[in-house]
Amino acid sequence: MSSQKGDTPRYRRLLPLVIIVALAAVFAANRFFFPPPMLFFQDRREMMDTWVTITVYDRNPEVAEVAIATAFARMEEVERIASIYDPHAEAFRLNETGRSDNPSPELWKLIEVAKDYYTLTDGTFDITVEPLLDLWRYKEGAEQQFWELDPEIQEQAITAALALVSADRITLSTDPQRSIVLEPGMKVTFGGIAKGYAVDQGLNALRTSGIAHALIDAGGDIGVFGGKPGGAKWELALRNPRDPEDFLVRFVLTDGAIATSGNYERYFDREAKVGHIMDPRTGYSSHASSSATVVAGTCMQADALATAAFVLGPQDGIELANSLDRVEALIVSYDEPERVYRSGGLEEYVEKKGDL
């Protein structure tokens, strides 16, 4: 029987659909076997009294841009809680009133963790050091700055301030509600832990947004995950305290964090003799180290331990790092700045540069 005029065979009617399906399959296979290249994205903003840089790799510009914005917003939330200078911040109000009832979970966590590190580091990491820091800060219009006073007068003021310093005297109460209570005159500062915590939270925001390769640098407190595309590690150079144009070592990390504490960039006095890192045990600037760098699982951990290691000095600081799981340290001596101390497993994270 012959086909009637105008009657199209079935296979010819299905041909366009078959072609579309085939093209879709080819396109999908091409995307699977030849995905778009990973692109580099970076943004930099000022917060927490430093510059914060977020670097990510992703194939989709829109995904990357939204993820970076989300991470910055998350870090800003931490800053609004932990700032002791912003009148709207919880930490500022805690210092003003001496207590915080029904605090945010994050303020509670920061203080809870800080108290743990106070115990772990034998008091060399102490968030209640603020009264000491306040003594040494530059006072606009003052006839004499604190470091210019007679040593006997300094010692009297320091002794009085030391009576207010001890993180184990912060009370965390849960009955009948959560409350944080400071003893009269005590004040806290989160300078040695909040940046690290903010970096951790920013990294979590990036992961949640679908980013697989990221780095956040908050003024030297650095957290990373996923390495670089293709299996390369993130490379982080440690500046030489004796030569700002040189670096001591280059760290390599796939996942984890690194933080450095040093008195070679920030000083209270214009002559650069009074460093900004106080020894909570003495009330004076710590001169035990030139710099202390800690590699750890989280940036909050690295941040706090770098401060403690700096105050403890090379030998005790390295001993502390060696006693902890997944923690490594590199400490430069103050008295012998050419001498570098390393923890037992540091070489896993370091590319050598010359003979140290």
Protein backbone atom coordinates (compact mmCIF):
# COMPACT_ATOMS: atom_id res chain seq x y z
CA MET A 1 0.00 0.00 0.00
CA SER A 2 1.48 3.38 -0.92
CA SER A 3 1.54 6.37 1.46
CA GLN A 4 -1.01 9.04 0.97
CA LYS A 5 0.14 12.41 -0.22
CA GLY A 6 1.39 14.58 2.68
CA ASP A 7 1.76 11.61 5.04
CA THR A 8 5.31 11.89 6.59
CA PRO A 9 6.96 8.65 7.71
CA ARG A 10 7.23 8.31 11.53
CA TYR A 11 11.04 8.21 11.55
CA ARG A 12 11.15 11.50 9.65
CA ARG A 13 8.82 13.11 12.17
CA LEU A 14 11.03 11.94 15.06
CA LEU A 15 14.28 12.96 13.40
CA PRO A 16 14.36 16.55 14.82
CA LEU A 17 13.76 15.20 18.33
CA VAL A 18 16.52 12.63 17.90
CA ILE A 19 18.91 15.33 16.74
CA ILE A 20 18.07 17.53 19.73
CA VAL A 21 18.60 14.66 22.17
CA ALA A 22 21.88 13.75 20.49
CA LEU A 23 23.12 17.33 20.61
CA ALA A 24 22.15 17.57 24.29
CA ALA A 25 24.04 14.36 25.00
CA VAL A 26 27.10 15.64 23.18
CA PHE A 27 26.91 18.93 25.08
CA ALA A 28 26.55 17.13 28.42
CA ALA A 29 29.43 14.79 27.61
CA ASN A 30 31.55 17.74 26.57
CA ARG A 31 30.80 19.52 29.86
CA PHE A 32 31.60 16.33 31.78
CA PHE A 33 34.83 15.47 30.04
CA PHE A 34 35.89 19.04 29.27
CA PRO A 35 34.48 21.26 32.06
CA PRO A 36 34.99 25.03 31.94
CA PRO A 37 38.30 26.13 33.46
CA MET A 38 38.55 27.16 37.09
CA LEU A 39 38.72 30.94 37.32
CA PHE A 40 40.48 33.09 39.93
CA PHE A 41 38.40 35.52 41.99
CA GLN A 42 39.56 37.86 44.76
CA ASP A 43 38.20 40.74 46.82
CA ARG A 44 39.72 42.85 49.59
CA ARG A 45 38.01 44.87 52.30
CA GLU A 46 39.00 46.69 55.46
CA MET A 47 37.63 45.28 58.73
CA MET A 48 38.76 44.29 62.21
CA ASP A 49 41.50 46.94 62.10
CA THR A 50 43.19 45.23 59.16
CA TRP A 51 42.73 44.28 55.51
CA VAL A 52 40.90 41.05 54.75
CA THR A 53 41.43 39.32 51.41
CA ILE A 54 39.25 36.48 50.17
CA THR A 55 40.50 34.35 47.28
CA VAL A 56 38.50 31.59 45.60
CA TYR A 57 38.55 29.49 42.45
CA ASP A 58 35.31 28.57 40.71
CA ARG A 59 33.93 28.03 37.22
CA ASN A 60 30.95 30.31 37.71
CA PRO A 61 31.61 34.04 38.25
CA GLU A 62 28.18 34.63 39.77
CA VAL A 63 28.61 31.80 42.28
CA ALA A 64 32.05 33.09 43.24
CA GLU A 65 30.93 36.69 43.69
CA VAL A 66 27.92 35.75 45.82
CA ALA A 67 30.04 33.40 47.93
CA ILE A 68 32.68 36.05 48.60
CA ALA A 69 30.03 38.62 49.55
CA THR A 70 28.41 36.09 51.88
CA ALA A 71 31.75 35.33 53.54
CA PHE A 72 32.50 39.01 54.12
CA ALA A 73 29.03 39.50 55.59
CA ARG A 74 29.59 36.59 57.97
CA MET A 75 32.92 37.99 59.11
CA GLU A 76 31.34 41.39 59.66
CA GLU A 77 28.80 39.72 61.96
CA VAL A 78 31.66 38.43 64.09
CA GLU A 79 33.23 41.88 64.18
CA ARG A 80 29.96 43.44 65.33
CA ILE A 81 29.93 41.01 68.27
CA ALA A 82 33.61 41.01 69.27
CA SER A 83 34.61 44.67 68.83
CA ILE A 84 35.51 46.49 72.05
CA TYR A 85 35.40 49.86 70.26
CA ASP A 86 31.96 49.78 68.63
CA PRO A 87 29.32 50.95 71.17
CA HIS A 88 26.80 48.65 69.50
CA ALA A 89 28.96 45.54 69.87
CA GLU A 90 28.31 42.97 72.57
CA ALA A 91 31.93 42.94 73.71
CA PHE A 92 31.90 46.73 74.12
CA ARG A 93 28.76 46.54 76.27
CA LEU A 94 30.25 43.70 78.32
CA ASN A 95 33.25 45.87 79.15
CA GLU A 96 31.02 48.84 79.97
CA THR A 97 28.62 47.02 82.28
CA GLY A 98 30.72 44.09 83.48
CA ARG A 99 28.14 41.51 82.49
CA SER A 100 26.12 40.15 79.59
CA ASP A 101 22.82 38.38 80.18
CA ASN A 102 21.57 36.08 77.43
CA PRO A 103 24.67 36.72 75.31
CA SER A 104 24.83 35.58 71.72
CA PRO A 105 26.11 32.02 71.26
CA GLU A 106 29.19 33.47 69.56
CA LEU A 107 30.22 35.78 72.39
CA TRP A 108 29.72 32.88 74.78
CA LYS A 109 31.84 30.61 72.59
CA LEU A 110 34.64 33.15 72.20
CA ILE A 111 34.94 33.56 75.97
CA GLU A 112 34.54 29.86 76.66
CA VAL A 113 37.31 28.97 74.20
CA ALA A 114 39.49 31.84 75.44
CA LYS A 115 39.25 30.53 78.99
CA ASP A 116 40.30 27.09 77.78
CA TYR A 117 43.35 28.56 76.03
CA TYR A 118 44.20 30.56 79.14
CA THR A 119 44.45 27.27 81.05
CA LEU A 120 46.22 25.42 78.22
CA THR A 121 48.90 28.11 77.85
CA ASP A 122 49.53 28.74 81.55
CA GLY A 123 48.05 32.22 81.32
CA THR A 124 50.15 33.47 78.41
CA PHE A 125 47.00 33.83 76.31
CA ASP A 126 44.62 36.01 78.30
CA ILE A 127 41.71 38.05 76.95
CA THR A 128 41.51 40.05 80.21
CA VAL A 129 44.80 41.79 79.38
CA GLU A 130 42.89 44.89 78.23
CA PRO A 131 43.64 46.99 81.39
CA LEU A 132 47.35 46.53 80.68
CA LEU A 133 47.00 47.38 77.01
CA ASP A 134 45.11 50.53 77.97
CA LEU A 135 48.03 51.68 80.11
CA TRP A 136 50.48 51.47 77.23
CA ARG A 137 48.32 52.91 74.44
CA TYR A 138 49.22 56.30 73.05
CA LYS A 139 47.15 59.03 74.71
CA GLU A 140 46.48 62.03 72.51
CA GLY A 141 47.29 65.28 74.33
CA ALA A 142 48.92 63.63 77.34
CA GLU A 143 51.97 65.43 78.78
CA GLN A 144 53.73 62.10 79.09
CA GLN A 145 53.00 58.73 77.59
CA PHE A 146 53.05 55.73 79.87
CA TRP A 147 56.41 54.47 78.56
CA GLU A 148 57.90 57.90 79.35
CA LEU A 149 56.96 57.78 83.04
CA ASP A 150 59.36 57.03 85.84
CA PRO A 151 59.83 53.23 86.12
CA GLU A 152 58.58 53.25 89.70
CA ILE A 153 55.34 54.96 88.68
CA GLN A 154 54.98 52.50 85.81
CA GLU A 155 55.44 49.56 88.13
CA GLN A 156 52.77 50.83 90.53
CA ALA A 157 50.23 51.22 87.72
CA ILE A 158 51.10 47.84 86.25
CA THR A 159 50.70 46.14 89.62
CA ALA A 160 47.23 47.65 89.97
CA ALA A 161 46.27 46.56 86.45
CA LEU A 162 47.61 43.04 86.95
CA ALA A 163 45.12 42.64 89.80
CA LEU A 164 42.40 42.80 87.11
CA VAL A 165 44.02 40.29 84.76
CA SER A 166 43.11 36.60 84.85
CA ALA A 167 40.70 34.95 82.42
CA ASP A 168 39.86 32.20 84.89
CA ARG A 169 38.00 34.83 86.93
CA ILE A 170 35.45 35.42 84.17
CA THR A 171 32.23 33.75 85.30
CA LEU A 172 30.12 31.83 82.81
CA SER A 173 26.80 31.09 84.47
CA THR A 174 23.90 29.01 83.10
CA ASP A 175 21.52 29.27 86.07
CA PRO A 176 18.86 30.49 85.61
CA GLN A 177 20.07 31.85 82.26
CA ARG A 178 23.34 32.22 80.42
CA SER A 179 25.33 35.14 81.81
CA ILE A 180 28.89 36.36 81.41
CA VAL A 181 30.17 38.24 84.45
CA LEU A 182 33.43 40.18 84.84
CA GLU A 183 34.84 41.15 88.20
CA PRO A 184 34.77 44.93 88.90
CA GLY A 185 37.33 46.72 86.76
CA MET A 186 38.04 43.77 84.46
CA LYS A 187 37.84 44.25 80.71
CA VAL A 188 38.29 41.85 77.82
CA THR A 189 39.84 42.13 74.39
CA PHE A 190 39.46 39.63 71.57
CA GLY A 191 42.44 40.81 69.53
CA GLY A 192 44.16 37.44 69.77
CA ILE A 193 41.23 35.23 68.86
CA ALA A 194 38.39 37.06 67.08
CA LYS A 195 40.16 37.42 63.73
CA GLY A 196 40.90 33.72 63.67
CA TYR A 197 37.30 32.90 64.54
CA ALA A 198 36.06 35.28 61.85
CA VAL A 199 38.29 33.60 59.26
CA ASP A 200 36.88 30.19 60.22
CA GLN A 201 33.34 31.50 59.87
CA GLY A 202 34.14 33.07 56.50
CA LEU A 203 35.54 29.76 55.25
CA ASN A 204 32.41 27.95 56.41
CA ALA A 205 30.30 30.45 54.47
CA LEU A 206 32.35 29.79 51.32
CA ARG A 207 31.95 26.02 51.69
CA THR A 208 28.21 26.37 52.18
CA SER A 209 28.07 28.49 49.02
CA GLY A 210 29.60 25.66 47.01
CA ILE A 211 33.19 26.87 46.78
CA ALA A 212 35.78 24.07 46.68
CA HIS A 213 39.05 26.08 46.76
CA ALA A 214 39.45 29.09 49.04
CA LEU A 215 41.83 31.23 51.09
CA ILE A 216 41.05 34.01 53.57
CA ASP A 217 43.83 36.28 54.83
CA ALA A 218 42.90 38.60 57.70
CA GLY A 219 46.06 40.55 58.35
CA GLY A 220 48.22 37.43 58.56
CA ASP A 221 45.61 35.13 60.12
CA ILE A 222 45.08 32.78 57.20
CA GLY A 223 42.70 29.87 56.65
CA VAL A 224 42.48 27.68 53.55
CA PHE A 225 40.68 24.66 52.19
CA GLY A 226 40.71 22.54 49.03
CA GLY A 227 44.16 23.57 47.88
CA LYS A 228 44.39 25.08 44.41
CA PRO A 229 42.75 23.56 41.33
CA GLY A 230 44.78 20.71 39.92
CA GLY A 231 46.06 19.53 43.29
CA ALA A 232 48.53 22.33 44.06
CA LYS A 233 48.75 23.59 47.63
CA TRP A 234 48.29 27.13 48.85
CA GLU A 235 51.68 28.85 49.31
CA LEU A 236 52.13 31.29 52.19
CA ALA A 237 55.40 33.15 52.69
CA LEU A 238 56.57 34.10 56.20
CA ARG A 239 58.24 37.49 56.32
CA ASN A 240 61.73 37.77 57.73
CA PRO A 241 61.54 40.02 60.85
CA ARG A 242 65.00 41.35 60.02
CA ASP A 243 64.28 42.13 56.37
CA PRO A 244 60.78 43.11 55.16
CA GLU A 245 61.85 42.42 51.58
CA ASP A 246 62.75 38.83 52.39
CA PHE A 247 60.95 35.77 53.72
CA LEU A 248 62.12 33.04 56.07
CA VAL A 249 60.14 30.09 54.77
CA ARG A 250 57.27 29.31 52.47
CA PHE A 251 54.44 27.34 54.02
CA VAL A 252 52.31 25.00 51.90
CA LEU A 253 48.80 24.01 52.99
CA THR A 254 45.86 22.22 51.43
CA ASP A 255 43.48 22.54 54.38
CA GLY A 256 44.07 24.28 57.69
CA ALA A 257 45.22 27.60 59.09
CA ILE A 258 48.29 29.60 59.96
CA ALA A 259 48.76 32.67 62.14
CA THR A 260 51.78 34.77 63.06
CA SER A 261 52.33 36.99 66.08
CA GLY A 262 55.18 39.49 65.98
CA ASN A 263 56.26 42.82 67.42
CA TYR A 264 58.06 43.97 64.29
CA GLU A 265 55.09 45.84 62.77
CA ARG A 266 52.95 47.27 65.60
CA TYR A 267 54.23 49.30 68.51
CA PHE A 268 52.66 51.60 71.09
CA ASP A 269 55.50 54.12 70.98
CA ARG A 270 56.87 55.99 68.02
CA GLU A 271 60.40 54.73 68.73
CA ALA A 272 59.19 51.15 68.19
CA LYS A 273 60.43 49.92 71.55
CA VAL A 274 57.14 48.96 73.20
CA GLY A 275 55.52 46.14 71.25
CA HIS A 276 51.77 45.61 71.22
CA ILE A 277 51.88 42.04 72.57
CA MET A 278 51.78 42.12 76.37
CA ASP A 279 52.99 39.40 78.68
CA PRO A 280 49.97 38.97 80.98
CA ARG A 281 52.26 37.68 83.71
CA THR A 282 54.48 40.78 83.90
CA GLY A 283 52.45 43.65 82.43
CA TYR A 284 55.25 44.60 80.05
CA SER A 285 55.71 44.01 76.33
CA SER A 286 56.92 40.53 75.61
CA HIS A 287 60.44 40.30 74.23
CA ALA A 288 60.72 36.53 74.33
CA SER A 289 60.41 36.17 70.54
CA SER A 290 60.72 38.17 67.34
CA SER A 291 57.85 36.24 65.79
CA ALA A 292 55.85 33.08 66.38
CA THR A 293 53.94 31.24 63.66
CA VAL A 294 51.51 28.41 64.35
CA VAL A 295 49.93 25.97 61.91
CA ALA A 296 46.70 24.39 63.18
CA GLY A 297 43.40 22.89 62.12
CA THR A 298 41.43 26.10 62.65
CA CYS A 299 42.40 29.74 62.41
CA MET A 300 41.00 30.51 65.86
CA GLN A 301 43.31 27.88 67.31
CA ALA A 302 46.31 29.14 65.32
CA ASP A 303 45.55 32.75 66.31
CA ALA A 304 45.42 32.10 70.05
CA LEU A 305 48.38 29.71 70.12
CA ALA A 306 50.59 32.06 68.08
CA THR A 307 50.08 34.76 70.71
CA ALA A 308 50.85 32.32 73.51
CA ALA A 309 53.91 30.91 71.74
CA PHE A 310 55.24 34.42 71.18
CA VAL A 311 54.94 35.24 74.88
CA LEU A 312 56.32 31.87 76.00
CA GLY A 313 59.38 32.23 73.82
CA PRO A 314 61.12 29.73 71.52
CA GLN A 315 61.76 26.81 73.83
CA ASP A 316 58.51 26.81 75.82
CA GLY A 317 56.51 27.79 72.74
CA ILE A 318 57.84 24.86 70.74
CA GLU A 319 57.23 22.56 73.70
CA LEU A 320 53.60 23.70 73.76
CA ALA A 321 53.18 23.03 70.03
CA ASN A 322 54.78 19.59 70.33
CA SER A 323 52.32 18.67 73.07
CA LEU A 324 49.26 19.33 70.89
CA ASP A 325 47.76 17.27 68.07
CA ARG A 326 47.83 18.79 64.57
CA VAL A 327 49.70 21.87 65.81
CA GLU A 328 53.12 22.97 64.55
CA ALA A 329 55.14 26.10 65.24
CA LEU A 330 58.08 28.15 64.00
CA ILE A 331 59.48 30.71 66.44
CA VAL A 332 62.22 33.28 65.81
CA SER A 333 64.32 34.17 68.82
CA TYR A 334 64.40 37.79 70.04
CA ASP A 335 67.90 37.77 71.53
CA GLU A 336 69.26 35.76 68.59
CA PRO A 337 67.07 36.80 65.63
CA GLU A 338 69.09 34.64 63.28
CA ARG A 339 68.02 31.56 65.24
CA VAL A 340 64.80 29.78 64.24
CA TYR A 341 63.09 27.08 66.32
CA ARG A 342 60.75 24.49 64.76
CA SER A 343 58.33 21.95 66.16
CA GLY A 344 58.74 18.28 65.35
CA GLY A 345 56.31 17.97 62.44
CA LEU A 346 56.67 21.40 60.88
CA GLU A 347 58.54 20.17 57.80
CA GLU A 348 55.30 18.70 56.45
CA TYR A 349 54.10 22.27 55.88
CA VAL A 350 57.31 24.01 54.86
CA GLU A 351 59.33 24.45 51.69
CA LYS A 352 62.88 25.26 52.72
CA LYS A 353 64.56 28.50 51.69
CA GLY A 354 68.24 28.36 52.36
CA ASP A 355 69.80 27.04 55.54
CA LEU A 356 67.88 28.07 58.65
